[in-house]
């Protein structure tokens, strides 16, 4: 059985919707044209974290959902 959005041949359908990443600090969707950043957790290196430009420039804290690491 193929995953949702992926055909049996492993190709993604152009008709499936794609959800944008969300900011780890504020929870809002990250706009593709925004100056956001993505990085792996500096502690565990497992989770890919996204931060919007506003949270990044205002140094709002974030918390890794995998290991609990908190950063500015």
PDB file of N, CA and C in Angstrom:
ATOM      1  N   UNK A   1       0.832  -1.182   0.000  1.00  0.00           N
ATOM      2  CA  UNK A   1       0.000   0.000   0.000  1.00  0.00           C
ATOM      3  C   UNK A   1       0.881   1.252   0.000  1.00  0.00           C
ATOM      4  N   UNK A   2       0.624   2.159  -0.885  1.00  0.00           N
ATOM      5  CA  UNK A   2       1.430   3.372  -1.011  1.00  0.00           C
ATOM      6  C   UNK A   2       1.011   4.407   0.017  1.00  0.00           C
ATOM      7  N   UNK A   3       1.967   5.235   0.422  1.00  0.00           N
ATOM      8  CA  UNK A   3       1.682   6.316   1.368  1.00  0.00           C
ATOM      9  C   UNK A   3       0.810   7.363   0.693  1.00  0.00           C
ATOM     10  N   UNK A   4       0.132   8.165   1.494  1.00  0.00           N
ATOM     11  CA  UNK A   4      -0.736   9.201   0.952  1.00  0.00           C
ATOM     12  C   UNK A   4       0.094  10.185   0.139  1.00  0.00           C
ATOM     13  N   UNK A   5      -0.349  10.461  -1.082  1.00  0.00           N
ATOM     14  CA  UNK A   5       0.344  11.416  -1.929  1.00  0.00           C
ATOM     15  C   UNK A   5       1.451  10.801  -2.770  1.00  0.00           C
ATOM     16  N   UNK A   6       1.720   9.518  -2.585  1.00  0.00           N
ATOM     17  CA  UNK A   6       2.779   8.860  -3.338  1.00  0.00           C
ATOM     18  C   UNK A   6       2.162   7.694  -4.093  1.00  0.00           C
ATOM     19  N   UNK A   7       2.397   7.639  -5.394  1.00  0.00           N
ATOM     20  CA  UNK A   7       1.857   6.549  -6.189  1.00  0.00           C
ATOM     21  C   UNK A   7       2.672   5.286  -5.961  1.00  0.00           C
ATOM     22  N   UNK A   8       2.222   4.204  -6.542  1.00  0.00           N
ATOM     23  CA  UNK A   8       2.930   2.936  -6.395  1.00  0.00           C
ATOM     24  C   UNK A   8       4.320   2.988  -7.015  1.00  0.00           C
ATOM     25  N   UNK A   9       4.544   3.934  -7.914  1.00  0.00           N
ATOM     26  CA  UNK A   9       5.844   4.075  -8.555  1.00  0.00           C
ATOM     27  C   UNK A   9       6.773   4.988  -7.761  1.00  0.00           C
ATOM     28  N   UNK A  10       6.278   5.529  -6.647  1.00  0.00           N
ATOM     29  CA  UNK A  10       7.102   6.395  -5.813  1.00  0.00           C
ATOM     30  C   UNK A  10       7.102   7.851  -6.229  1.00  0.00           C
ATOM     31  N   UNK A  11       6.170   8.232  -7.105  1.00  0.00           N
ATOM     32  CA  UNK A  11       6.099   9.612  -7.554  1.00  0.00           C
ATOM     33  C   UNK A  11       5.007  10.341  -6.788  1.00  0.00           C
ATOM     34  N   UNK A  12       5.254  11.618  -6.492  1.00  0.00           N
ATOM     35  CA  UNK A  12       4.274  12.441  -5.798  1.00  0.00           C
ATOM     36  C   UNK A  12       3.314  13.016  -6.824  1.00  0.00           C
ATOM     37  N   UNK A  13       2.040  12.970  -6.509  1.00  0.00           N
ATOM     38  CA  UNK A  13       1.027  13.507  -7.396  1.00  0.00           C
ATOM     39  C   UNK A  13       1.019  15.033  -7.302  1.00  0.00           C
ATOM     40  N   UNK A  14       0.855  15.715  -8.425  1.00  0.00           N
ATOM     41  CA  UNK A  14       0.814  17.168  -8.426  1.00  0.00           C
ATOM     42  C   UNK A  14      -0.513  17.688  -7.896  1.00  0.00           C
ATOM     43  N   UNK A  15      -1.476  16.818  -7.715  1.00  0.00           N
ATOM     44  CA  UNK A  15      -2.792  17.218  -7.240  1.00  0.00           C
ATOM     45  C   UNK A  15      -2.916  17.140  -5.721  1.00  0.00           C
ATOM     46  N   UNK A  16      -1.948  16.567  -5.043  1.00  0.00           N
ATOM     47  CA  UNK A  16      -1.980  16.489  -3.589  1.00  0.00           C
ATOM     48  C   UNK A  16      -1.505  17.805  -2.992  1.00  0.00           C
ATOM     49  N   UNK A  17      -2.100  18.168  -1.883  1.00  0.00           N
ATOM     50  CA  UNK A  17      -1.697  19.415  -1.227  1.00  0.00           C
ATOM     51  C   UNK A  17      -0.451  19.185  -0.386  1.00  0.00           C
ATOM     52  N   UNK A  18       0.332  20.229  -0.263  1.00  0.00           N
ATOM     53  CA  UNK A  18       1.545  20.187   0.536  1.00  0.00           C
ATOM     54  C   UNK A  18       1.404  21.233   1.631  1.00  0.00           C
ATOM     55  N   UNK A  19       1.636  20.826   2.866  1.00  0.00           N
ATOM     56  CA  UNK A  19       1.545  21.765   3.973  1.00  0.00           C
ATOM     57  C   UNK A  19       2.902  22.419   4.192  1.00  0.00           C
ATOM     58  N   UNK A  20       2.917  23.750   4.363  1.00  0.00           N
ATOM     59  CA  UNK A  20       4.194  24.422   4.618  1.00  0.00           C
ATOM     60  C   UNK A  20       4.701  24.077   6.009  1.00  0.00           C
ATOM     61  N   UNK A  21       5.998  24.184   6.232  1.00  0.00           N
ATOM     62  CA  UNK A  21       6.527  23.938   7.576  1.00  0.00           C
ATOM     63  C   UNK A  21       6.011  24.998   8.542  1.00  0.00           C
ATOM     64  N   UNK A  22       6.000  24.672   9.825  1.00  0.00           N
ATOM     65  CA  UNK A  22       5.550  25.623  10.833  1.00  0.00           C
ATOM     66  C   UNK A  22       6.724  26.032  11.715  1.00  0.00           C
ATOM     67  N   UNK A  23       6.658  27.267  12.193  1.00  0.00           N
ATOM     68  CA  UNK A  23       7.692  27.798  13.079  1.00  0.00           C
ATOM     69  C   UNK A  23       7.633  27.047  14.405  1.00  0.00           C
ATOM     70  N   UNK A  24       8.780  26.587  14.907  1.00  0.00           N
ATOM     71  CA  UNK A  24       8.845  25.838  16.157  1.00  0.00           C
ATOM     72  C   UNK A  24       8.535  26.730  17.356  1.00  0.00           C
ATOM     73  N   UNK A  25       8.705  28.046  17.218  1.00  0.00           N
ATOM     74  CA  UNK A  25       8.476  28.974  18.333  1.00  0.00           C
ATOM     75  C   UNK A  25       7.026  29.439  18.422  1.00  0.00           C
ATOM     76  N   UNK A  26       6.473  29.924  17.306  1.00  0.00           N
ATOM     77  CA  UNK A  26       5.127  30.510  17.353  1.00  0.00           C
ATOM     78  C   UNK A  26       4.050  29.600  16.767  1.00  0.00           C
ATOM     79  N   UNK A  27       4.437  28.590  16.002  1.00  0.00           N
ATOM     80  CA  UNK A  27       3.476  27.648  15.444  1.00  0.00           C
ATOM     81  C   UNK A  27       2.804  28.102  14.168  1.00  0.00           C
ATOM     82  N   UNK A  28       3.170  29.264  13.640  1.00  0.00           N
ATOM     83  CA  UNK A  28       2.570  29.761  12.406  1.00  0.00           C
ATOM     84  C   UNK A  28       3.255  29.125  11.191  1.00  0.00           C
ATOM     85  N   UNK A  29       2.508  28.968  10.092  1.00  0.00           N
ATOM     86  CA  UNK A  29       3.125  28.433   8.865  1.00  0.00           C
ATOM     87  C   UNK A  29       4.217  29.366   8.350  1.00  0.00           C
ATOM     88  N   UNK A  30       5.283  28.786   7.839  1.00  0.00           N
ATOM     89  CA  UNK A  30       6.399  29.558   7.293  1.00  0.00           C
ATOM     90  C   UNK A  30       6.146  29.778   5.808  1.00  0.00           C
ATOM     91  N   UNK A  31       6.070  31.036   5.421  1.00  0.00           N
ATOM     92  CA  UNK A  31       5.853  31.428   4.039  1.00  0.00           C
ATOM     93  C   UNK A  31       7.127  31.163   3.236  1.00  0.00           C
ATOM     94  N   UNK A  32       7.027  30.581   2.030  1.00  0.00           N
ATOM     95  CA  UNK A  32       8.236  30.317   1.237  1.00  0.00           C
ATOM     96  C   UNK A  32       9.063  31.560   0.910  1.00  0.00           C
ATOM     97  N   UNK A  33       8.420  32.738   0.834  1.00  0.00           N
ATOM     98  CA  UNK A  33       9.170  33.947   0.511  1.00  0.00           C
ATOM     99  C   UNK A  33       9.754  34.615   1.755  1.00  0.00           C
ATOM    100  N   UNK A  34       9.426  34.100   2.924  1.00  0.00           N
ATOM    101  CA  UNK A  34       9.916  34.670   4.170  1.00  0.00           C
ATOM    102  C   UNK A  34      11.379  34.274   4.403  1.00  0.00           C
ATOM    103  N   UNK A  35      12.093  35.111   5.144  1.00  0.00           N
ATOM    104  CA  UNK A  35      13.497  34.826   5.451  1.00  0.00           C
ATOM    105  C   UNK A  35      13.580  33.934   6.686  1.00  0.00           C
ATOM    106  N   UNK A  36      13.043  32.753   6.577  1.00  0.00           N
ATOM    107  CA  UNK A  36      13.046  31.791   7.675  1.00  0.00           C
ATOM    108  C   UNK A  36      14.303  30.925   7.593  1.00  0.00           C
ATOM    109  N   UNK A  37      14.574  30.211   8.671  1.00  0.00           N
ATOM    110  CA  UNK A  37      15.718  29.308   8.695  1.00  0.00           C
ATOM    111  C   UNK A  37      15.250  27.918   9.127  1.00  0.00           C
ATOM    112  N   UNK A  38      15.950  26.918   8.645  1.00  0.00           N
ATOM    113  CA  UNK A  38      15.715  25.547   9.094  1.00  0.00           C
ATOM    114  C   UNK A  38      17.066  24.964   9.496  1.00  0.00           C
ATOM    115  N   UNK A  39      17.049  24.190  10.572  1.00  0.00           N
ATOM    116  CA  UNK A  39      18.280  23.591  11.069  1.00  0.00           C
ATOM    117  C   UNK A  39      17.917  22.380  11.909  1.00  0.00           C
ATOM    118  N   UNK A  40      18.874  21.474  12.041  1.00  0.00           N
ATOM    119  CA  UNK A  40      18.664  20.321  12.899  1.00  0.00           C
ATOM    120  C   UNK A  40      18.979  20.717  14.335  1.00  0.00           C
ATOM    121  N   UNK A  41      18.298  20.090  15.276  1.00  0.00           N
ATOM    122  CA  UNK A  41      18.497  20.398  16.686  1.00  0.00           C
ATOM    123  C   UNK A  41      19.982  20.303  17.019  1.00  0.00           C
ATOM    124  N   UNK A  42      20.558  21.339  17.656  1.00  0.00           N
ATOM    125  CA  UNK A  42      21.980  21.310  17.977  1.00  0.00           C
ATOM    126  C   UNK A  42      22.347  20.272  19.029  1.00  0.00           C
ATOM    127  N   UNK A  43      21.361  19.774  19.770  1.00  0.00           N
ATOM    128  CA  UNK A  43      21.638  18.798  20.819  1.00  0.00           C
ATOM    129  C   UNK A  43      21.540  17.361  20.308  1.00  0.00           C
ATOM    130  N   UNK A  44      20.393  17.001  19.726  1.00  0.00           N
ATOM    131  CA  UNK A  44      20.198  15.608  19.295  1.00  0.00           C
ATOM    132  C   UNK A  44      20.467  15.402  17.809  1.00  0.00           C
ATOM    133  N   UNK A  45      20.316  16.445  16.992  1.00  0.00           N
ATOM    134  CA  UNK A  45      20.561  16.337  15.561  1.00  0.00           C
ATOM    135  C   UNK A  45      19.520  15.536  14.804  1.00  0.00           C
ATOM    136  N   UNK A  46      18.397  15.227  15.435  1.00  0.00           N
ATOM    137  CA  UNK A  46      17.371  14.393  14.815  1.00  0.00           C
ATOM    138  C   UNK A  46      16.272  15.235  14.172  1.00  0.00           C
ATOM    139  N   UNK A  47      15.782  16.216  14.894  1.00  0.00           N
ATOM    140  CA  UNK A  47      14.632  17.000  14.441  1.00  0.00           C
ATOM    141  C   UNK A  47      15.063  18.173  13.560  1.00  0.00           C
ATOM    142  N   UNK A  48      14.350  18.350  12.456  1.00  0.00           N
ATOM    143  CA  UNK A  48      14.544  19.517  11.599  1.00  0.00           C
ATOM    144  C   UNK A  48      13.603  20.599  12.115  1.00  0.00           C
ATOM    145  N   UNK A  49      14.166  21.693  12.587  1.00  0.00           N
ATOM    146  CA  UNK A  49      13.398  22.772  13.185  1.00  0.00           C
ATOM    147  C   UNK A  49      13.336  23.959  12.237  1.00  0.00           C
ATOM    148  N   UNK A  50      12.179  24.595  12.150  1.00  0.00           N
ATOM    149  CA  UNK A  50      11.990  25.794  11.332  1.00  0.00           C
ATOM    150  C   UNK A  50      11.691  26.962  12.245  1.00  0.00           C
ATOM    151  N   UNK A  51      12.263  28.134  11.932  1.00  0.00           N
ATOM    152  CA  UNK A  51      11.974  29.357  12.676  1.00  0.00           C
ATOM    153  C   UNK A  51      11.663  30.467  11.685  1.00  0.00           C
ATOM    154  N   UNK A  52      10.572  31.191  11.951  1.00  0.00           N
ATOM    155  CA  UNK A  52      10.206  32.307  11.079  1.00  0.00           C
ATOM    156  C   UNK A  52      11.142  33.486  11.353  1.00  0.00           C
ATOM    157  N   UNK A  53      11.136  34.430  10.458  1.00  0.00           N
ATOM    158  CA  UNK A  53      12.021  35.587  10.572  1.00  0.00           C
ATOM    159  C   UNK A  53      11.738  36.388  11.846  1.00  0.00           C
ATOM    160  N   UNK A  54      10.475  36.556  12.196  1.00  0.00           N
ATOM    161  CA  UNK A  54      10.107  37.336  13.376  1.00  0.00           C
ATOM    162  C   UNK A  54      10.650  36.694  14.655  1.00  0.00           C
ATOM    163  N   UNK A  55      10.424  35.404  14.836  1.00  0.00           N
ATOM    164  CA  UNK A  55      10.892  34.722  16.042  1.00  0.00           C
ATOM    165  C   UNK A  55      12.419  34.680  16.100  1.00  0.00           C
ATOM    166  N   UNK A  56      13.036  34.537  14.953  1.00  0.00           N
ATOM    167  CA  UNK A  56      14.497  34.476  14.900  1.00  0.00           C
ATOM    168  C   UNK A  56      15.113  35.816  15.275  1.00  0.00           C
ATOM    169  N   UNK A  57      14.611  36.912  14.707  1.00  0.00           N
ATOM    170  CA  UNK A  57      15.189  38.222  14.973  1.00  0.00           C
ATOM    171  C   UNK A  57      14.868  38.713  16.387  1.00  0.00           C
ATOM    172  N   UNK A  58      13.729  38.282  16.941  1.00  0.00           N
ATOM    173  CA  UNK A  58      13.373  38.678  18.302  1.00  0.00           C
ATOM    174  C   UNK A  58      13.923  37.703  19.353  1.00  0.00           C
ATOM    175  N   UNK A  59      14.669  36.713  18.898  1.00  0.00           N
ATOM    176  CA  UNK A  59      15.304  35.709  19.759  1.00  0.00           C
ATOM    177  C   UNK A  59      14.313  35.028  20.711  1.00  0.00           C
ATOM    178  N   UNK A  60      13.147  34.670  20.166  1.00  0.00           N
ATOM    179  CA  UNK A  60      12.142  33.945  20.941  1.00  0.00           C
ATOM    180  C   UNK A  60      12.613  32.500  21.087  1.00  0.00           C
ATOM    181  N   UNK A  61      12.484  31.951  22.280  1.00  0.00           N
ATOM    182  CA  UNK A  61      13.004  30.610  22.547  1.00  0.00           C
ATOM    183  C   UNK A  61      12.225  29.541  21.787  1.00  0.00           C
ATOM    184  N   UNK A  62      12.887  28.432  21.561  1.00  0.00           N
ATOM    185  CA  UNK A  62      12.271  27.263  20.940  1.00  0.00           C
ATOM    186  C   UNK A  62      12.642  26.048  21.775  1.00  0.00           C
ATOM    187  N   UNK A  63      11.888  24.972  21.604  1.00  0.00           N
ATOM    188  CA  UNK A  63      12.152  23.735  22.333  1.00  0.00           C
ATOM    189  C   UNK A  63      12.046  22.560  21.369  1.00  0.00           C
ATOM    190  N   UNK A  64      13.069  21.732  21.326  1.00  0.00           N
ATOM    191  CA  UNK A  64      13.075  20.551  20.469  1.00  0.00           C
ATOM    192  C   UNK A  64      12.059  19.537  21.017  1.00  0.00           C
ATOM    193  N   UNK A  65      11.126  19.096  20.184  1.00  0.00           N
ATOM    194  CA  UNK A  65      10.146  18.118  20.662  1.00  0.00           C
ATOM    195  C   UNK A  65      10.730  16.728  20.899  1.00  0.00           C
ATOM    196  N   UNK A  66      11.913  16.472  20.383  1.00  0.00           N
ATOM    197  CA  UNK A  66      12.533  15.159  20.540  1.00  0.00           C
ATOM    198  C   UNK A  66      13.308  15.044  21.849  1.00  0.00           C
ATOM    199  N   UNK A  67      14.183  16.015  22.139  1.00  0.00           N
ATOM    200  CA  UNK A  67      15.062  15.898  23.310  1.00  0.00           C
ATOM    201  C   UNK A  67      14.795  16.951  24.388  1.00  0.00           C
ATOM    202  N   UNK A  68      13.986  17.965  24.072  1.00  0.00           N
ATOM    203  CA  UNK A  68      13.675  18.989  25.062  1.00  0.00           C
ATOM    204  C   UNK A  68      14.683  20.123  25.131  1.00  0.00           C
ATOM    205  N   UNK A  69      15.667  20.138  24.244  1.00  0.00           N
ATOM    206  CA  UNK A  69      16.669  21.209  24.235  1.00  0.00           C
ATOM    207  C   UNK A  69      15.979  22.543  23.974  1.00  0.00           C
ATOM    208  N   UNK A  70      16.337  23.575  24.727  1.00  0.00           N
ATOM    209  CA  UNK A  70      15.794  24.909  24.534  1.00  0.00           C
ATOM    210  C   UNK A  70      16.885  25.860  24.079  1.00  0.00           C
ATOM    211  N   UNK A  71      16.542  26.674  23.101  1.00  0.00           N
ATOM    212  CA  UNK A  71      17.517  27.616  22.579  1.00  0.00           C
ATOM    213  C   UNK A  71      16.872  28.956  22.304  1.00  0.00           C
ATOM    214  N   UNK A  72      17.683  29.972  22.044  1.00  0.00           N
ATOM    215  CA  UNK A  72      17.154  31.317  21.783  1.00  0.00           C
ATOM    216  C   UNK A  72      16.611  31.463  20.373  1.00  0.00           C
TER     217      UNK A  72
END
